[in-house]
Every structure is written in C-alpha cells, then in structure tokens.
Amino acid sequence: MDKKSLKQFEKLLKAKRTELQAAYLEKLQRSGDAGADGALDSADEASANYNKEFWYSMSDGDRQIMRLIDEALRRIADGTFGECIHCEKPIQKKRLEAVPWARHCVECQELQERGRLEE
C-alpha cells in the first residue's frame, strides 16, 4: 500500500479513536447522572440501573473497536496494514475504507464468523 493511502487510513483510525473516547466519556457522565439526587422510588431506581447497564454494555463494543483500532495502528507502524492477519493476502481497499480496522479479508472474515477460523 502506498504511503499516501497509509497516512489517510492512519488519520481515519485516529479520528475514530478520538470519537470513541469522547463518546465513552459522555456515556460515563450520563450514567453517573442517573439518580444523583437520591430521590428515586423503586421503579425509577430500577430504570436508572437499567440505563447504567445499557451504557456500560455499549462501551464494551466501543472498547473492542478501540482495541482493533490500536492493532491497526500498530500494523501501519510495522508495515503489515492492509494484509489479512490469517492468509496474508491484501484486504480489499473498499473494505478498509468501510472498516479501516479490519483484520481479515472478506473470505477469512466469513470463515471467522462461521467459527471456522482460529485466532
């Protein structure tokens, strides 16, 4: 992959990482606000607890994407970005444009989703 494309993907990855960090901080702030006044009845308290759980579970997915972004940035640094980590064939550029943290080519991703690819 040419240097210009690598720089563009690096910029995209860093922007997405910043976006996820900001969203995560906002989620933490929102979940901390629920019931802060201490004047909740049992139904409101249950609702507030559900909201906290919802925000924390969403952040699990965000943390997974952050981990994949960090891995992609390491692959840019070591010169393996754009290669499938399984078969080492090039990952299609359109796939990287849609999901710049993609680790697998389309074929290997399908195998992984079917449980036929070991990590």
N, C-alpha and C. Protein backbone atom coordinates (compact mmCIF):
# COMPACT_ATOMS: atom_id res chain seq x y z
N MET A 1 0.86 -1.18 0.00
CA MET A 1 0.00 0.00 0.00
C MET A 1 0.90 1.24 0.00
N ASP A 2 0.51 2.24 -0.77
CA ASP A 2 1.34 3.44 -0.88
C ASP A 2 1.25 4.30 0.39
N LYS A 3 2.26 5.14 0.58
CA LYS A 3 2.37 5.95 1.79
C LYS A 3 1.19 6.91 1.96
N LYS A 4 0.70 7.46 0.87
CA LYS A 4 -0.41 8.40 0.94
C LYS A 4 -1.66 7.70 1.49
N SER A 5 -1.94 6.51 1.00
CA SER A 5 -3.09 5.74 1.49
C SER A 5 -2.92 5.39 2.96
N LEU A 6 -1.71 4.97 3.32
CA LEU A 6 -1.45 4.64 4.73
C LEU A 6 -1.70 5.84 5.64
N LYS A 7 -1.26 7.01 5.21
CA LYS A 7 -1.49 8.23 6.01
C LYS A 7 -2.98 8.52 6.14
N GLN A 8 -3.73 8.32 5.06
CA GLN A 8 -5.17 8.56 5.11
C GLN A 8 -5.85 7.59 6.07
N PHE A 9 -5.45 6.32 6.03
CA PHE A 9 -6.04 5.34 6.94
C PHE A 9 -5.63 5.63 8.38
N GLU A 10 -4.40 6.03 8.58
CA GLU A 10 -3.95 6.39 9.92
C GLU A 10 -4.77 7.56 10.47
N LYS A 11 -5.02 8.54 9.64
CA LYS A 11 -5.83 9.69 10.04
C LYS A 11 -7.26 9.26 10.39
N LEU A 12 -7.86 8.40 9.55
CA LEU A 12 -9.20 7.88 9.81
C LEU A 12 -9.25 7.12 11.14
N LEU A 13 -8.27 6.25 11.36
CA LEU A 13 -8.24 5.46 12.58
C LEU A 13 -8.10 6.33 13.83
N LYS A 14 -7.23 7.31 13.76
CA LYS A 14 -7.04 8.20 14.91
C LYS A 14 -8.29 9.04 15.18
N ALA A 15 -8.96 9.48 14.12
CA ALA A 15 -10.19 10.26 14.28
C ALA A 15 -11.28 9.39 14.92
N LYS A 16 -11.41 8.14 14.49
CA LYS A 16 -12.41 7.24 15.06
C LYS A 16 -12.09 6.95 16.52
N ARG A 17 -10.81 6.80 16.83
CA ARG A 17 -10.40 6.55 18.21
C ARG A 17 -10.78 7.73 19.10
N THR A 18 -10.53 8.94 18.63
CA THR A 18 -10.88 10.15 19.37
C THR A 18 -12.39 10.23 19.55
N GLU A 19 -13.14 9.92 18.51
CA GLU A 19 -14.61 9.93 18.57
C GLU A 19 -15.12 8.93 19.62
N LEU A 20 -14.55 7.74 19.64
CA LEU A 20 -14.98 6.73 20.60
C LEU A 20 -14.63 7.12 22.03
N GLN A 21 -13.46 7.73 22.20
CA GLN A 21 -13.08 8.19 23.54
C GLN A 21 -14.05 9.25 24.04
N ALA A 22 -14.40 10.19 23.19
CA ALA A 22 -15.33 11.25 23.57
C ALA A 22 -16.71 10.67 23.89
N ALA A 23 -17.17 9.73 23.07
CA ALA A 23 -18.47 9.10 23.31
C ALA A 23 -18.46 8.32 24.61
N TYR A 24 -17.36 7.64 24.89
CA TYR A 24 -17.25 6.86 26.12
C TYR A 24 -17.31 7.77 27.34
N LEU A 25 -16.59 8.88 27.30
CA LEU A 25 -16.63 9.82 28.42
C LEU A 25 -18.03 10.39 28.62
N GLU A 26 -18.71 10.67 27.51
CA GLU A 26 -20.09 11.17 27.60
C GLU A 26 -21.02 10.12 28.22
N LYS A 27 -20.82 8.86 27.83
CA LYS A 27 -21.64 7.78 28.39
C LYS A 27 -21.42 7.65 29.89
N LEU A 28 -20.16 7.73 30.30
CA LEU A 28 -19.88 7.64 31.73
C LEU A 28 -20.53 8.79 32.49
N GLN A 29 -20.47 9.97 31.91
CA GLN A 29 -21.07 11.13 32.55
C GLN A 29 -22.59 10.96 32.65
N ARG A 30 -23.22 10.51 31.58
CA ARG A 30 -24.66 10.30 31.60
C ARG A 30 -25.07 9.25 32.61
N SER A 31 -24.34 8.14 32.63
CA SER A 31 -24.72 7.07 33.55
C SER A 31 -24.51 7.49 35.00
N GLY A 32 -23.56 8.35 35.25
CA GLY A 32 -23.34 8.84 36.60
C GLY A 32 -24.40 9.82 37.04
N ASP A 33 -25.08 10.47 36.10
CA ASP A 33 -26.11 11.45 36.44
C ASP A 33 -27.42 10.80 36.86
N ALA A 34 -27.65 9.56 36.44
CA ALA A 34 -28.93 8.92 36.74
C ALA A 34 -29.07 8.70 38.24
N GLY A 35 -30.06 9.34 38.84
CA GLY A 35 -30.33 9.15 40.25
C GLY A 35 -29.38 9.86 41.17
N ALA A 36 -28.70 10.88 40.70
CA ALA A 36 -27.71 11.57 41.51
C ALA A 36 -28.33 12.28 42.70
N ASP A 37 -29.60 12.65 42.61
CA ASP A 37 -30.22 13.38 43.72
C ASP A 37 -30.68 12.48 44.85
N GLY A 38 -30.68 11.15 44.64
CA GLY A 38 -31.03 10.22 45.69
C GLY A 38 -32.51 10.14 46.00
N ALA A 39 -33.38 10.78 45.22
CA ALA A 39 -34.82 10.82 45.50
C ALA A 39 -35.59 9.95 44.51
N LEU A 40 -35.17 8.71 44.34
CA LEU A 40 -35.84 7.83 43.38
C LEU A 40 -36.70 6.81 44.11
N ASP A 41 -37.88 6.55 43.54
CA ASP A 41 -38.66 5.42 44.06
C ASP A 41 -38.09 4.15 43.44
N SER A 42 -38.61 2.98 43.81
CA SER A 42 -38.02 1.72 43.35
C SER A 42 -38.09 1.55 41.83
N ALA A 43 -39.18 2.02 41.20
CA ALA A 43 -39.30 1.91 39.74
C ALA A 43 -38.28 2.80 39.05
N ASP A 44 -38.11 4.03 39.54
CA ASP A 44 -37.12 4.94 38.96
C ASP A 44 -35.71 4.42 39.17
N GLU A 45 -35.48 3.85 40.34
CA GLU A 45 -34.16 3.30 40.63
C GLU A 45 -33.85 2.13 39.70
N ALA A 46 -34.86 1.27 39.45
CA ALA A 46 -34.67 0.15 38.53
C ALA A 46 -34.37 0.67 37.12
N SER A 47 -35.09 1.70 36.71
CA SER A 47 -34.86 2.30 35.40
C SER A 47 -33.46 2.90 35.31
N ALA A 48 -33.03 3.58 36.36
CA ALA A 48 -31.69 4.18 36.38
C ALA A 48 -30.62 3.10 36.31
N ASN A 49 -30.82 2.00 37.03
CA ASN A 49 -29.86 0.90 36.99
C ASN A 49 -29.82 0.26 35.61
N TYR A 50 -30.97 0.10 34.98
CA TYR A 50 -31.02 -0.43 33.62
C TYR A 50 -30.23 0.48 32.68
N ASN A 51 -30.45 1.79 32.81
CA ASN A 51 -29.73 2.74 31.94
C ASN A 51 -28.23 2.64 32.14
N LYS A 52 -27.78 2.51 33.38
CA LYS A 52 -26.35 2.36 33.64
C LYS A 52 -25.81 1.10 32.96
N GLU A 53 -26.52 -0.01 33.13
CA GLU A 53 -26.10 -1.26 32.49
C GLU A 53 -26.05 -1.12 30.98
N PHE A 54 -27.05 -0.46 30.41
CA PHE A 54 -27.09 -0.24 28.97
C PHE A 54 -25.86 0.53 28.50
N TRP A 55 -25.53 1.62 29.19
CA TRP A 55 -24.37 2.42 28.80
C TRP A 55 -23.07 1.63 28.94
N TYR A 56 -22.93 0.87 30.02
CA TYR A 56 -21.72 0.10 30.20
C TYR A 56 -21.60 -1.01 29.16
N SER A 57 -22.70 -1.67 28.82
CA SER A 57 -22.62 -2.73 27.81
C SER A 57 -22.28 -2.15 26.44
N MET A 58 -22.79 -0.98 26.13
CA MET A 58 -22.43 -0.36 24.86
C MET A 58 -20.94 -0.04 24.83
N SER A 59 -20.39 0.35 25.95
CA SER A 59 -18.97 0.69 25.96
C SER A 59 -18.09 -0.54 25.75
N ASP A 60 -18.60 -1.76 26.03
CA ASP A 60 -17.83 -2.96 25.73
C ASP A 60 -17.54 -3.06 24.24
N GLY A 61 -18.54 -2.79 23.42
CA GLY A 61 -18.34 -2.80 21.97
C GLY A 61 -17.37 -1.71 21.54
N ASP A 62 -17.50 -0.54 22.16
CA ASP A 62 -16.58 0.55 21.84
C ASP A 62 -15.14 0.17 22.22
N ARG A 63 -14.98 -0.47 23.37
CA ARG A 63 -13.63 -0.89 23.78
C ARG A 63 -13.05 -1.90 22.80
N GLN A 64 -13.89 -2.79 22.29
CA GLN A 64 -13.43 -3.77 21.30
C GLN A 64 -12.95 -3.06 20.04
N ILE A 65 -13.71 -2.09 19.57
CA ILE A 65 -13.31 -1.33 18.38
C ILE A 65 -12.02 -0.56 18.66
N MET A 66 -11.90 0.02 19.86
CA MET A 66 -10.67 0.74 20.21
C MET A 66 -9.46 -0.20 20.15
N ARG A 67 -9.65 -1.43 20.66
CA ARG A 67 -8.56 -2.40 20.62
C ARG A 67 -8.18 -2.71 19.17
N LEU A 68 -9.19 -2.90 18.32
CA LEU A 68 -8.93 -3.17 16.90
C LEU A 68 -8.26 -1.99 16.21
N ILE A 69 -8.65 -0.78 16.59
CA ILE A 69 -8.02 0.42 16.03
C ILE A 69 -6.55 0.47 16.44
N ASP A 70 -6.27 0.21 17.72
CA ASP A 70 -4.88 0.20 18.18
C ASP A 70 -4.05 -0.84 17.44
N GLU A 71 -4.65 -2.02 17.22
CA GLU A 71 -3.95 -3.06 16.44
C GLU A 71 -3.67 -2.58 15.02
N ALA A 72 -4.66 -1.93 14.40
CA ALA A 72 -4.48 -1.43 13.03
C ALA A 72 -3.38 -0.38 12.98
N LEU A 73 -3.32 0.49 13.97
CA LEU A 73 -2.26 1.50 14.02
C LEU A 73 -0.89 0.83 14.18
N ARG A 74 -0.82 -0.25 14.94
CA ARG A 74 0.45 -0.99 15.07
C ARG A 74 0.83 -1.63 13.73
N ARG A 75 -0.18 -2.14 13.01
CA ARG A 75 0.11 -2.74 11.70
C ARG A 75 0.59 -1.69 10.71
N ILE A 76 0.08 -0.47 10.82
CA ILE A 76 0.59 0.62 9.97
C ILE A 76 2.06 0.84 10.30
N ALA A 77 2.38 0.90 11.58
CA ALA A 77 3.76 1.15 12.02
C ALA A 77 4.71 0.04 11.59
N ASP A 78 4.23 -1.22 11.64
CA ASP A 78 5.15 -2.31 11.29
C ASP A 78 5.08 -2.74 9.82
N GLY A 79 4.24 -2.04 9.04
CA GLY A 79 4.20 -2.28 7.60
C GLY A 79 3.32 -3.43 7.14
N THR A 80 2.44 -3.93 8.02
CA THR A 80 1.57 -5.04 7.63
C THR A 80 0.11 -4.62 7.47
N PHE A 81 -0.18 -3.33 7.61
CA PHE A 81 -1.55 -2.86 7.45
C PHE A 81 -2.03 -3.16 6.04
N GLY A 82 -3.27 -3.62 5.95
CA GLY A 82 -3.85 -3.92 4.65
C GLY A 82 -3.69 -5.36 4.24
N GLU A 83 -3.01 -6.16 5.09
CA GLU A 83 -2.86 -7.59 4.85
C GLU A 83 -3.74 -8.34 5.82
N CYS A 84 -4.38 -9.39 5.35
CA CYS A 84 -5.18 -10.25 6.22
C CYS A 84 -4.24 -10.91 7.24
N ILE A 85 -4.62 -10.88 8.51
CA ILE A 85 -3.75 -11.48 9.54
C ILE A 85 -3.76 -13.01 9.48
N HIS A 86 -4.70 -13.57 8.73
CA HIS A 86 -4.77 -15.03 8.62
C HIS A 86 -4.04 -15.53 7.37
N CYS A 87 -4.49 -15.09 6.21
CA CYS A 87 -3.94 -15.61 4.96
C CYS A 87 -2.85 -14.71 4.37
N GLU A 88 -2.69 -13.52 4.92
CA GLU A 88 -1.69 -12.53 4.50
C GLU A 88 -1.91 -11.98 3.10
N LYS A 89 -3.09 -12.23 2.53
CA LYS A 89 -3.43 -11.62 1.24
C LYS A 89 -3.89 -10.19 1.50
N PRO A 90 -3.82 -9.32 0.48
CA PRO A 90 -4.29 -7.94 0.67
C PRO A 90 -5.78 -7.87 0.99
N ILE A 91 -6.12 -7.00 1.92
CA ILE A 91 -7.53 -6.73 2.23
C ILE A 91 -8.01 -5.72 1.19
N GLN A 92 -9.18 -5.94 0.66
CA GLN A 92 -9.72 -5.07 -0.38
C GLN A 92 -9.81 -3.64 0.13
N LYS A 93 -9.42 -2.68 -0.72
CA LYS A 93 -9.41 -1.28 -0.32
C LYS A 93 -10.80 -0.79 0.08
N LYS A 94 -11.83 -1.21 -0.63
CA LYS A 94 -13.20 -0.80 -0.28
C LYS A 94 -13.56 -1.29 1.12
N ARG A 95 -13.10 -2.48 1.48
CA ARG A 95 -13.35 -2.99 2.84
C ARG A 95 -12.64 -2.12 3.87
N LEU A 96 -11.40 -1.77 3.60
CA LEU A 96 -10.66 -0.91 4.53
C LEU A 96 -11.27 0.48 4.62
N GLU A 97 -11.81 0.97 3.53
CA GLU A 97 -12.46 2.28 3.56
C GLU A 97 -13.71 2.23 4.44
N ALA A 98 -14.42 1.10 4.42
CA ALA A 98 -15.63 0.96 5.23
C ALA A 98 -15.28 0.64 6.69
N VAL A 99 -14.29 -0.21 6.89
CA VAL A 99 -13.88 -0.65 8.22
C VAL A 99 -12.35 -0.61 8.28
N PRO A 100 -11.77 0.56 8.54
CA PRO A 100 -10.31 0.67 8.47
C PRO A 100 -9.56 -0.20 9.49
N TRP A 101 -10.24 -0.70 10.51
CA TRP A 101 -9.59 -1.56 11.50
C TRP A 101 -9.76 -3.04 11.15
N ALA A 102 -10.25 -3.34 9.94
CA ALA A 102 -10.45 -4.73 9.52
C ALA A 102 -9.15 -5.51 9.61
N ARG A 103 -9.25 -6.72 10.13
CA ARG A 103 -8.08 -7.58 10.30
C ARG A 103 -8.01 -8.67 9.24
N HIS A 104 -9.17 -8.95 8.64
CA HIS A 104 -9.25 -10.07 7.70
C HIS A 104 -9.78 -9.61 6.35
N CYS A 105 -9.39 -10.34 5.32
CA CYS A 105 -10.01 -10.16 4.01
C CYS A 105 -11.46 -10.68 4.12
N VAL A 106 -12.26 -10.42 3.14
CA VAL A 106 -13.68 -10.82 3.19
C VAL A 106 -13.81 -12.33 3.38
N GLU A 107 -13.02 -13.10 2.65
CA GLU A 107 -13.13 -14.56 2.72
C GLU A 107 -12.81 -15.07 4.12
N CYS A 108 -11.73 -14.59 4.71
CA CYS A 108 -11.35 -15.04 6.06
C CYS A 108 -12.32 -14.51 7.12
N GLN A 109 -12.86 -13.31 6.91
CA GLN A 109 -13.86 -12.78 7.84
C GLN A 109 -15.10 -13.67 7.86
N GLU A 110 -15.51 -14.13 6.68
CA GLU A 110 -16.66 -15.03 6.61
C GLU A 110 -16.37 -16.34 7.34
N LEU A 111 -15.16 -16.86 7.18
CA LEU A 111 -14.77 -18.07 7.89
C LEU A 111 -14.80 -17.86 9.40
N GLN A 112 -14.30 -16.71 9.84
CA GLN A 112 -14.29 -16.42 11.27
C GLN A 112 -15.71 -16.34 11.82
N GLU A 113 -16.59 -15.67 11.10
CA GLU A 113 -17.98 -15.52 11.55
C GLU A 113 -18.70 -16.86 11.62
N ARG A 114 -18.27 -17.82 10.83
CA ARG A 114 -18.86 -19.17 10.86
C ARG A 114 -18.18 -20.06 11.89
N GLY A 115 -17.15 -19.53 12.56
CA GLY A 115 -16.43 -20.30 13.55
C GLY A 115 -15.44 -21.28 12.96
N ARG A 116 -15.03 -21.06 11.72
CA ARG A 116 -14.11 -21.97 11.04
C ARG A 116 -12.69 -21.42 10.96
N LEU A 117 -12.45 -20.32 11.63
CA LEU A 117 -11.12 -19.69 11.60
C LEU A 117 -10.67 -19.48 13.03
N GLU A 118 -9.52 -20.06 13.36
CA GLU A 118 -8.99 -19.88 14.72
C GLU A 118 -8.12 -18.64 14.77
N GLU A 119 -8.18 -17.98 15.90
CA GLU A 119 -7.38 -16.76 16.09
C GLU A 119 -6.12 -17.09 16.84
